[in-house]
Amino acid sequence: MAGGWARDGAVNEQIDASIADELKRLQARRELVGESLEDCAECGEEIPPARRAAIPGVKLCVACQQARDKGRAAARGGINRRGSKDSQLK
């Protein structure tokens, strides 16, 4: 397949690298887990025992976690910088 200046397989390498980066980020997060809290660190509501059992080291209730995740998604913007022309010009 013609890809302009990109060599064959470059797109797949970018996808693989993005996946590897995300897996490393998740693994690092899991290693920093610690002990689960019984009450949410932000709002003080009780964290259900099932959530504490399912997610080791959980610190937030579902509502607070959803609000935090929503903020992160907006901050990230969903742009794959590896695939942008700006990153290829550097």
PDB file of N, CA and C in Angstrom:
ATOM      1  N   MET A   1       0.842  -1.181   0.000  1.00  0.00           N
ATOM      2  CA  MET A   1       0.000   0.000   0.000  1.00  0.00           C
ATOM      3  C   MET A   1       0.884   1.239   0.000  1.00  0.00           C
ATOM      4  N   ALA A   2       0.547   2.175  -0.826  1.00  0.00           N
ATOM      5  CA  ALA A   2       1.320   3.408  -0.906  1.00  0.00           C
ATOM      6  C   ALA A   2       1.033   4.265   0.317  1.00  0.00           C
ATOM      7  N   GLY A   3       2.075   4.763   0.914  1.00  0.00           N
ATOM      8  CA  GLY A   3       1.896   5.563   2.123  1.00  0.00           C
ATOM      9  C   GLY A   3       2.659   6.862   2.091  1.00  0.00           C
ATOM     10  N   GLY A   4       2.943   7.381   0.914  1.00  0.00           N
ATOM     11  CA  GLY A   4       3.714   8.618   0.840  1.00  0.00           C
ATOM     12  C   GLY A   4       5.138   8.372   1.298  1.00  0.00           C
ATOM     13  N   TRP A   5       5.581   9.136   2.274  1.00  0.00           N
ATOM     14  CA  TRP A   5       6.941   9.008   2.772  1.00  0.00           C
ATOM     15  C   TRP A   5       7.069   7.934   3.840  1.00  0.00           C
ATOM     16  N   ALA A   6       5.981   7.418   4.334  1.00  0.00           N
ATOM     17  CA  ALA A   6       6.025   6.400   5.391  1.00  0.00           C
ATOM     18  C   ALA A   6       6.409   5.049   4.803  1.00  0.00           C
ATOM     19  N   ARG A   7       7.206   4.317   5.546  1.00  0.00           N
ATOM     20  CA  ARG A   7       7.591   2.984   5.082  1.00  0.00           C
ATOM     21  C   ARG A   7       6.450   2.007   5.361  1.00  0.00           C
ATOM     22  N   ASP A   8       6.519   0.852   4.762  1.00  0.00           N
ATOM     23  CA  ASP A   8       5.497  -0.169   4.983  1.00  0.00           C
ATOM     24  C   ASP A   8       5.459  -0.568   6.453  1.00  0.00           C
ATOM     25  N   GLY A   9       4.268  -0.659   7.001  1.00  0.00           N
ATOM     26  CA  GLY A   9       4.111  -1.074   8.389  1.00  0.00           C
ATOM     27  C   GLY A   9       4.219   0.050   9.397  1.00  0.00           C
ATOM     28  N   ALA A  10       4.443   1.283   8.947  1.00  0.00           N
ATOM     29  CA  ALA A  10       4.618   2.401   9.882  1.00  0.00           C
ATOM     30  C   ALA A  10       3.352   2.670  10.686  1.00  0.00           C
ATOM     31  N   VAL A  11       2.208   2.545  10.059  1.00  0.00           N
ATOM     32  CA  VAL A  11       0.943   2.791  10.758  1.00  0.00           C
ATOM     33  C   VAL A  11       0.752   1.749  11.855  1.00  0.00           C
ATOM     34  N   ASN A  12       1.018   0.497  11.536  1.00  0.00           N
ATOM     35  CA  ASN A  12       0.882  -0.555  12.548  1.00  0.00           C
ATOM     36  C   ASN A  12       1.866  -0.353  13.695  1.00  0.00           C
ATOM     37  N   GLU A  13       3.061   0.125  13.391  1.00  0.00           N
ATOM     38  CA  GLU A  13       4.034   0.413  14.446  1.00  0.00           C
ATOM     39  C   GLU A  13       3.531   1.532  15.356  1.00  0.00           C
ATOM     40  N   GLN A  14       2.892   2.554  14.781  1.00  0.00           N
ATOM     41  CA  GLN A  14       2.336   3.639  15.580  1.00  0.00           C
ATOM     42  C   GLN A  14       1.221   3.126  16.488  1.00  0.00           C
ATOM     43  N   ILE A  15       0.369   2.281  15.952  1.00  0.00           N
ATOM     44  CA  ILE A  15      -0.725   1.713  16.748  1.00  0.00           C
ATOM     45  C   ILE A  15      -0.157   0.863  17.879  1.00  0.00           C
ATOM     46  N   ASP A  16       0.805   0.005  17.548  1.00  0.00           N
ATOM     47  CA  ASP A  16       1.425  -0.848  18.570  1.00  0.00           C
ATOM     48  C   ASP A  16       2.103  -0.015  19.656  1.00  0.00           C
ATOM     49  N   ALA A  17       2.779   1.060  19.259  1.00  0.00           N
ATOM     50  CA  ALA A  17       3.447   1.920  20.233  1.00  0.00           C
ATOM     51  C   ALA A  17       2.435   2.617  21.137  1.00  0.00           C
ATOM     52  N   SER A  18       1.316   3.057  20.566  1.00  0.00           N
ATOM     53  CA  SER A  18       0.267   3.699  21.371  1.00  0.00           C
ATOM     54  C   SER A  18      -0.312   2.722  22.391  1.00  0.00           C
ATOM     55  N   ILE A  19      -0.554   1.505  21.965  1.00  0.00           N
ATOM     56  CA  ILE A  19      -1.085   0.479  22.862  1.00  0.00           C
ATOM     57  C   ILE A  19      -0.069   0.156  23.955  1.00  0.00           C
ATOM     58  N   ALA A  20       1.197   0.024  23.578  1.00  0.00           N
ATOM     59  CA  ALA A  20       2.245  -0.275  24.564  1.00  0.00           C
ATOM     60  C   ALA A  20       2.365   0.846  25.594  1.00  0.00           C
ATOM     61  N   ASP A  21       2.271   2.104  25.150  1.00  0.00           N
ATOM     62  CA  ASP A  21       2.329   3.238  26.077  1.00  0.00           C
ATOM     63  C   ASP A  21       1.179   3.193  27.073  1.00  0.00           C
ATOM     64  N   GLU A  22      -0.014   2.904  26.584  1.00  0.00           N
ATOM     65  CA  GLU A  22      -1.186   2.862  27.465  1.00  0.00           C
ATOM     66  C   GLU A  22      -1.083   1.711  28.453  1.00  0.00           C
ATOM     67  N   LEU A  23      -0.589   0.562  27.995  1.00  0.00           N
ATOM     68  CA  LEU A  23      -0.412  -0.576  28.895  1.00  0.00           C
ATOM     69  C   LEU A  23       0.618  -0.277  29.979  1.00  0.00           C
ATOM     70  N   LYS A  24       1.697   0.404  29.618  1.00  0.00           N
ATOM     71  CA  LYS A  24       2.704   0.795  30.615  1.00  0.00           C
ATOM     72  C   LYS A  24       2.106   1.744  31.646  1.00  0.00           C
ATOM     73  N   ARG A  25       1.291   2.697  31.171  1.00  0.00           N
ATOM     74  CA  ARG A  25       0.654   3.645  32.077  1.00  0.00           C
ATOM     75  C   ARG A  25      -0.274   2.931  33.058  1.00  0.00           C
ATOM     76  N   LEU A  26      -1.055   1.992  32.550  1.00  0.00           N
ATOM     77  CA  LEU A  26      -1.971   1.240  33.411  1.00  0.00           C
ATOM     78  C   LEU A  26      -1.215   0.349  34.383  1.00  0.00           C
ATOM     79  N   GLN A  27      -0.139  -0.270  33.924  1.00  0.00           N
ATOM     80  CA  GLN A  27       0.658  -1.129  34.802  1.00  0.00           C
ATOM     81  C   GLN A  27       1.293  -0.313  35.925  1.00  0.00           C
ATOM     82  N   ALA A  28       1.822   0.859  35.605  1.00  0.00           N
ATOM     83  CA  ALA A  28       2.420   1.724  36.623  1.00  0.00           C
ATOM     84  C   ALA A  28       1.374   2.151  37.636  1.00  0.00           C
ATOM     85  N   ARG A  29       0.183   2.433  37.166  1.00  0.00           N
ATOM     86  CA  ARG A  29      -0.909   2.814  38.071  1.00  0.00           C
ATOM     87  C   ARG A  29      -1.259   1.667  39.008  1.00  0.00           C
ATOM     88  N   ARG A  30      -1.277   0.463  38.485  1.00  0.00           N
ATOM     89  CA  ARG A  30      -1.629  -0.704  39.295  1.00  0.00           C
ATOM     90  C   ARG A  30      -0.565  -0.964  40.367  1.00  0.00           C
ATOM     91  N   GLU A  31       0.694  -0.697  40.059  1.00  0.00           N
ATOM     92  CA  GLU A  31       1.773  -0.924  41.018  1.00  0.00           C
ATOM     93  C   GLU A  31       1.723   0.067  42.179  1.00  0.00           C
ATOM     94  N   LEU A  32       1.132   1.231  41.964  1.00  0.00           N
ATOM     95  CA  LEU A  32       1.047   2.248  43.000  1.00  0.00           C
ATOM     96  C   LEU A  32      -0.246   2.149  43.814  1.00  0.00           C
ATOM     97  N   VAL A  33      -0.924   1.039  43.699  1.00  0.00           N
ATOM     98  CA  VAL A  33      -2.272   0.886  44.221  1.00  0.00           C
ATOM     99  C   VAL A  33      -2.386   1.103  45.723  1.00  0.00           C
ATOM    100  N   GLY A  34      -1.769   0.277  46.521  1.00  0.00           N
ATOM    101  CA  GLY A  34      -1.916   0.370  47.972  1.00  0.00           C
ATOM    102  C   GLY A  34      -3.233  -0.250  48.428  1.00  0.00           C
ATOM    103  N   GLU A  35      -3.669   0.133  49.606  1.00  0.00           N
ATOM    104  CA  GLU A  35      -4.876  -0.436  50.204  1.00  0.00           C
ATOM    105  C   GLU A  35      -6.106   0.388  49.809  1.00  0.00           C
ATOM    106  N   SER A  36      -7.223  -0.296  49.600  1.00  0.00           N
ATOM    107  CA  SER A  36      -8.473   0.391  49.269  1.00  0.00           C
ATOM    108  C   SER A  36      -8.988   1.184  50.464  1.00  0.00           C
ATOM    109  N   LEU A  37      -9.635   2.291  50.164  1.00  0.00           N
ATOM    110  CA  LEU A  37     -10.278   3.091  51.203  1.00  0.00           C
ATOM    111  C   LEU A  37     -11.721   2.617  51.374  1.00  0.00           C
ATOM    112  N   GLU A  38     -12.256   2.766  52.569  1.00  0.00           N
ATOM    113  CA  GLU A  38     -13.656   2.426  52.791  1.00  0.00           C
ATOM    114  C   GLU A  38     -14.564   3.597  52.418  1.00  0.00           C
ATOM    115  N   ASP A  39     -14.053   4.814  52.532  1.00  0.00           N
ATOM    116  CA  ASP A  39     -14.812   6.013  52.171  1.00  0.00           C
ATOM    117  C   ASP A  39     -14.079   6.752  51.060  1.00  0.00           C
ATOM    118  N   CYS A  40     -14.840   7.358  50.167  1.00  0.00           N
ATOM    119  CA  CYS A  40     -14.290   8.082  49.032  1.00  0.00           C
ATOM    120  C   CYS A  40     -13.372   9.207  49.510  1.00  0.00           C
ATOM    121  N   ALA A  41     -12.220   9.352  48.863  1.00  0.00           N
ATOM    122  CA  ALA A  41     -11.242  10.379  49.232  1.00  0.00           C
ATOM    123  C   ALA A  41     -11.735  11.783  48.888  1.00  0.00           C
ATOM    124  N   GLU A  42     -12.692  11.908  47.960  1.00  0.00           N
ATOM    125  CA  GLU A  42     -13.162  13.230  47.557  1.00  0.00           C
ATOM    126  C   GLU A  42     -14.456  13.645  48.244  1.00  0.00           C
ATOM    127  N   CYS A  43     -15.462  12.763  48.235  1.00  0.00           N
ATOM    128  CA  CYS A  43     -16.770  13.168  48.771  1.00  0.00           C
ATOM    129  C   CYS A  43     -17.089  12.544  50.124  1.00  0.00           C
ATOM    130  N   GLY A  44     -16.355  11.525  50.542  1.00  0.00           N
ATOM    131  CA  GLY A  44     -16.574  10.902  51.837  1.00  0.00           C
ATOM    132  C   GLY A  44     -17.640   9.827  51.870  1.00  0.00           C
ATOM    133  N   GLU A  45     -18.315   9.582  50.733  1.00  0.00           N
ATOM    134  CA  GLU A  45     -19.329   8.520  50.675  1.00  0.00           C
ATOM    135  C   GLU A  45     -18.655   7.154  50.808  1.00  0.00           C
ATOM    136  N   GLU A  46     -19.406   6.192  51.321  1.00  0.00           N
ATOM    137  CA  GLU A  46     -18.863   4.844  51.466  1.00  0.00           C
ATOM    138  C   GLU A  46     -18.646   4.213  50.093  1.00  0.00           C
ATOM    139  N   ILE A  47     -17.511   3.564  49.925  1.00  0.00           N
ATOM    140  CA  ILE A  47     -17.227   2.816  48.701  1.00  0.00           C
ATOM    141  C   ILE A  47     -17.750   1.401  48.931  1.00  0.00           C
ATOM    142  N   PRO A  48     -18.648   0.918  48.058  1.00  0.00           N
ATOM    143  CA  PRO A  48     -19.234  -0.404  48.268  1.00  0.00           C
ATOM    144  C   PRO A  48     -18.166  -1.500  48.327  1.00  0.00           C
ATOM    145  N   PRO A  49     -18.377  -2.511  49.187  1.00  0.00           N
ATOM    146  CA  PRO A  49     -17.407  -3.605  49.307  1.00  0.00           C
ATOM    147  C   PRO A  49     -17.124  -4.313  47.983  1.00  0.00           C
ATOM    148  N   ALA A  50     -18.138  -4.434  47.137  1.00  0.00           N
ATOM    149  CA  ALA A  50     -17.929  -5.090  45.835  1.00  0.00           C
ATOM    150  C   ALA A  50     -16.944  -4.304  44.979  1.00  0.00           C
ATOM    151  N   ARG A  51     -17.013  -2.967  45.024  1.00  0.00           N
ATOM    152  CA  ARG A  51     -16.068  -2.133  44.257  1.00  0.00           C
ATOM    153  C   ARG A  51     -14.669  -2.268  44.825  1.00  0.00           C
ATOM    154  N   ARG A  52     -14.545  -2.276  46.147  1.00  0.00           N
ATOM    155  CA  ARG A  52     -13.235  -2.430  46.779  1.00  0.00           C
ATOM    156  C   ARG A  52     -12.615  -3.777  46.438  1.00  0.00           C
ATOM    157  N   ALA A  53     -13.456  -4.823  46.331  1.00  0.00           N
ATOM    158  CA  ALA A  53     -12.944  -6.156  45.989  1.00  0.00           C
ATOM    159  C   ALA A  53     -12.551  -6.234  44.513  1.00  0.00           C
ATOM    160  N   ALA A  54     -13.314  -5.558  43.662  1.00  0.00           N
ATOM    161  CA  ALA A  54     -13.074  -5.636  42.219  1.00  0.00           C
ATOM    162  C   ALA A  54     -11.862  -4.808  41.788  1.00  0.00           C
ATOM    163  N   ILE A  55     -11.625  -3.685  42.484  1.00  0.00           N
ATOM    164  CA  ILE A  55     -10.539  -2.780  42.103  1.00  0.00           C
ATOM    165  C   ILE A  55      -9.630  -2.585  43.309  1.00  0.00           C
ATOM    166  N   PRO A  56      -8.563  -3.353  43.407  1.00  0.00           N
ATOM    167  CA  PRO A  56      -7.646  -3.197  44.537  1.00  0.00           C
ATOM    168  C   PRO A  56      -7.069  -1.783  44.589  1.00  0.00           C
ATOM    169  N   GLY A  57      -7.080  -1.191  45.754  1.00  0.00           N
ATOM    170  CA  GLY A  57      -6.512   0.135  45.934  1.00  0.00           C
ATOM    171  C   GLY A  57      -7.430   1.276  45.540  1.00  0.00           C
ATOM    172  N   VAL A  58      -8.710   0.991  45.371  1.00  0.00           N
ATOM    173  CA  VAL A  58      -9.646   2.033  44.947  1.00  0.00           C
ATOM    174  C   VAL A  58      -9.736   3.122  46.013  1.00  0.00           C
ATOM    175  N   LYS A  59      -9.750   4.370  45.562  1.00  0.00           N
ATOM    176  CA  LYS A  59      -9.783   5.513  46.474  1.00  0.00           C
ATOM    177  C   LYS A  59     -11.040   6.365  46.298  1.00  0.00           C
ATOM    178  N   LEU A  60     -11.746   6.186  45.177  1.00  0.00           N
ATOM    179  CA  LEU A  60     -12.889   7.028  44.858  1.00  0.00           C
ATOM    180  C   LEU A  60     -14.149   6.202  44.643  1.00  0.00           C
ATOM    181  N   CYS A  61     -15.302   6.818  44.954  1.00  0.00           N
ATOM    182  CA  CYS A  61     -16.579   6.177  44.652  1.00  0.00           C
ATOM    183  C   CYS A  61     -16.805   6.257  43.133  1.00  0.00           C
ATOM    184  N   VAL A  62     -17.834   5.585  42.658  1.00  0.00           N
ATOM    185  CA  VAL A  62     -18.094   5.537  41.219  1.00  0.00           C
ATOM    186  C   VAL A  62     -18.354   6.940  40.663  1.00  0.00           C
ATOM    187  N   ALA A  63     -19.165   7.721  41.343  1.00  0.00           N
ATOM    188  CA  ALA A  63     -19.508   9.058  40.843  1.00  0.00           C
ATOM    189  C   ALA A  63     -18.274   9.954  40.730  1.00  0.00           C
ATOM    190  N   CYS A  64     -17.433   9.956  41.747  1.00  0.00           N
ATOM    191  CA  CYS A  64     -16.224  10.789  41.714  1.00  0.00           C
ATOM    192  C   CYS A  64     -15.239  10.297  40.655  1.00  0.00           C
ATOM    193  N   GLN A  65     -15.131   8.983  40.486  1.00  0.00           N
ATOM    194  CA  GLN A  65     -14.234   8.437  39.477  1.00  0.00           C
ATOM    195  C   GLN A  65     -14.712   8.797  38.081  1.00  0.00           C
ATOM    196  N   GLN A  66     -16.028   8.730  37.860  1.00  0.00           N
ATOM    197  CA  GLN A  66     -16.574   9.097  36.549  1.00  0.00           C
ATOM    198  C   GLN A  66     -16.311  10.573  36.249  1.00  0.00           C
ATOM    199  N   ALA A  67     -16.472  11.434  37.254  1.00  0.00           N
ATOM    200  CA  ALA A  67     -16.204  12.861  37.053  1.00  0.00           C
ATOM    201  C   ALA A  67     -14.727  13.089  36.730  1.00  0.00           C
ATOM    202  N   ARG A  68     -13.842  12.388  37.410  1.00  0.00           N
ATOM    203  CA  ARG A  68     -12.405  12.525  37.161  1.00  0.00           C
ATOM    204  C   ARG A  68     -12.047  12.014  35.767  1.00  0.00           C
ATOM    205  N   ASP A  69     -12.608  10.862  35.379  1.00  0.00           N
ATOM    206  CA  ASP A  69     -12.333  10.313  34.052  1.00  0.00           C
ATOM    207  C   ASP A  69     -12.836  11.238  32.953  1.00  0.00           C
ATOM    208  N   LYS A  70     -13.983  11.843  33.174  1.00  0.00           N
ATOM    209  CA  LYS A  70     -14.544  12.770  32.194  1.00  0.00           C
ATOM    210  C   LYS A  70     -13.604  13.959  31.998  1.00  0.00           C
ATOM    211  N   GLY A  71     -13.030  14.459  33.080  1.00  0.00           N
ATOM    212  CA  GLY A  71     -12.085  15.570  33.000  1.00  0.00           C
ATOM    213  C   GLY A  71     -10.808  15.190  32.274  1.00  0.00           C
ATOM    214  N   ARG A  72     -10.336  13.979  32.497  1.00  0.00           N
ATOM    215  CA  ARG A  72      -9.110  13.516  31.815  1.00  0.00           C
ATOM    216  C   ARG A  72      -9.344  13.353  30.329  1.00  0.00           C
ATOM    217  N   ALA A  73     -10.517  12.830  29.956  1.00  0.00           N
ATOM    218  CA  ALA A  73     -10.811  12.632  28.540  1.00  0.00           C
ATOM    219  C   ALA A  73     -10.847  13.973  27.824  1.00  0.00           C
ATOM    220  N   ALA A  74     -11.404  14.987  28.466  1.00  0.00           N
ATOM    221  CA  ALA A  74     -11.470  16.314  27.853  1.00  0.00           C
ATOM    222  C   ALA A  74     -10.067  16.921  27.745  1.00  0.00           C
ATOM    223  N   ALA A  75      -9.233  16.689  28.747  1.00  0.00           N
ATOM    224  CA  ALA A  75      -7.881  17.237  28.735  1.00  0.00           C
ATOM    225  C   ALA A  75      -7.025  16.590  27.661  1.00  0.00           C
ATOM    226  N   ARG A  76      -7.206  15.296  27.466  1.00  0.00           N
ATOM    227  CA  ARG A  76      -6.421  14.577  26.465  1.00  0.00           C
ATOM    228  C   ARG A  76      -6.810  14.976  25.058  1.00  0.00           C
ATOM    229  N   GLY A  77      -8.068  15.176  24.831  1.00  0.00           N
ATOM    230  CA  GLY A  77      -8.531  15.599  23.527  1.00  0.00           C
ATOM    231  C   GLY A  77      -8.641  14.496  22.500  1.00  0.00           C
ATOM    232  N   GLY A  78      -8.186  13.307  22.810  1.00  0.00           N
ATOM    233  CA  GLY A  78      -8.321  12.196  21.877  1.00  0.00           C
ATOM    234  C   GLY A  78      -7.469  12.312  20.627  1.00  0.00           C
ATOM    235  N   ILE A  79      -6.392  13.066  20.679  1.00  0.00           N
ATOM    236  CA  ILE A  79      -5.540  13.237  19.509  1.00  0.00           C
ATOM    237  C   ILE A  79      -4.350  12.300  19.613  1.00  0.00           C
ATOM    238  N   ASN A  80      -4.100  11.555  18.565  1.00  0.00           N
ATOM    239  CA  ASN A  80      -2.937  10.680  18.506  1.00  0.00           C
ATOM    240  C   ASN A  80      -1.782  11.497  17.942  1.00  0.00           C
ATOM    241  N   ARG A  81      -0.919  12.005  18.828  1.00  0.00           N
ATOM    242  CA  ARG A  81       0.169  12.869  18.390  1.00  0.00           C
ATOM    243  C   ARG A  81       1.156  12.139  17.491  1.00  0.00           C
ATOM    244  N   ARG A  82       1.294  10.837  17.646  1.00  0.00           N
ATOM    245  CA  ARG A  82       2.233  10.106  16.791  1.00  0.00           C
ATOM    246  C   ARG A  82       1.812  10.157  15.331  1.00  0.00           C
ATOM    247  N   GLY A  83       0.520  10.247  15.098  1.00  0.00           N
ATOM    248  CA  GLY A  83       0.028  10.225  13.723  1.00  0.00           C
ATOM    249  C   GLY A  83      -0.122  11.609  13.120  1.00  0.00           C
ATOM    250  N   SER A  84       0.149  12.659  13.861  1.00  0.00           N
ATOM    251  CA  SER A  84      -0.036  14.002  13.327  1.00  0.00           C
ATOM    252  C   SER A  84       1.181  14.427  12.499  1.00  0.00           C
ATOM    253  N   LYS A  85       0.941  15.333  11.585  1.00  0.00           N
ATOM    254  CA  LYS A  85       2.054  15.823  10.756  1.00  0.00           C
ATOM    255  C   LYS A  85       3.047  16.622  11.585  1.00  0.00           C
ATOM    256  N   ASP A  86       2.569  17.318  12.646  1.00  0.00           N
ATOM    257  CA  ASP A  86       3.467  18.095  13.483  1.00  0.00           C
ATOM    258  C   ASP A  86       4.538  17.212  14.105  1.00  0.00           C
ATOM    259  N   SER A  87       4.149  16.036  14.577  1.00  0.00           N
ATOM    260  CA  SER A  87       5.119  15.161  15.226  1.00  0.00           C
ATOM    261  C   SER A  87       6.088  14.557  14.217  1.00  0.00           C
ATOM    262  N   GLN A  88       5.695  14.471  12.959  1.00  0.00           N
ATOM    263  CA  GLN A  88       6.558  13.892  11.946  1.00  0.00           C
ATOM    264  C   GLN A  88       7.575  14.916  11.421  1.00  0.00           C
ATOM    265  N   LEU A  89       7.295  16.200  11.625  1.00  0.00           N
ATOM    266  CA  LEU A  89       8.196  17.234  11.130  1.00  0.00           C
ATOM    267  C   LEU A  89       9.375  17.481  12.057  1.00  0.00           C
ATOM    268  N   LYS A  90       9.287  17.020  13.285  1.00  0.00           N
ATOM    269  CA  LYS A  90      10.351  17.285  14.254  1.00  0.00           C
ATOM    270  C   LYS A  90      11.525  16.379  14.067  1.00  0.00           C
TER     271      LYS A  90
END
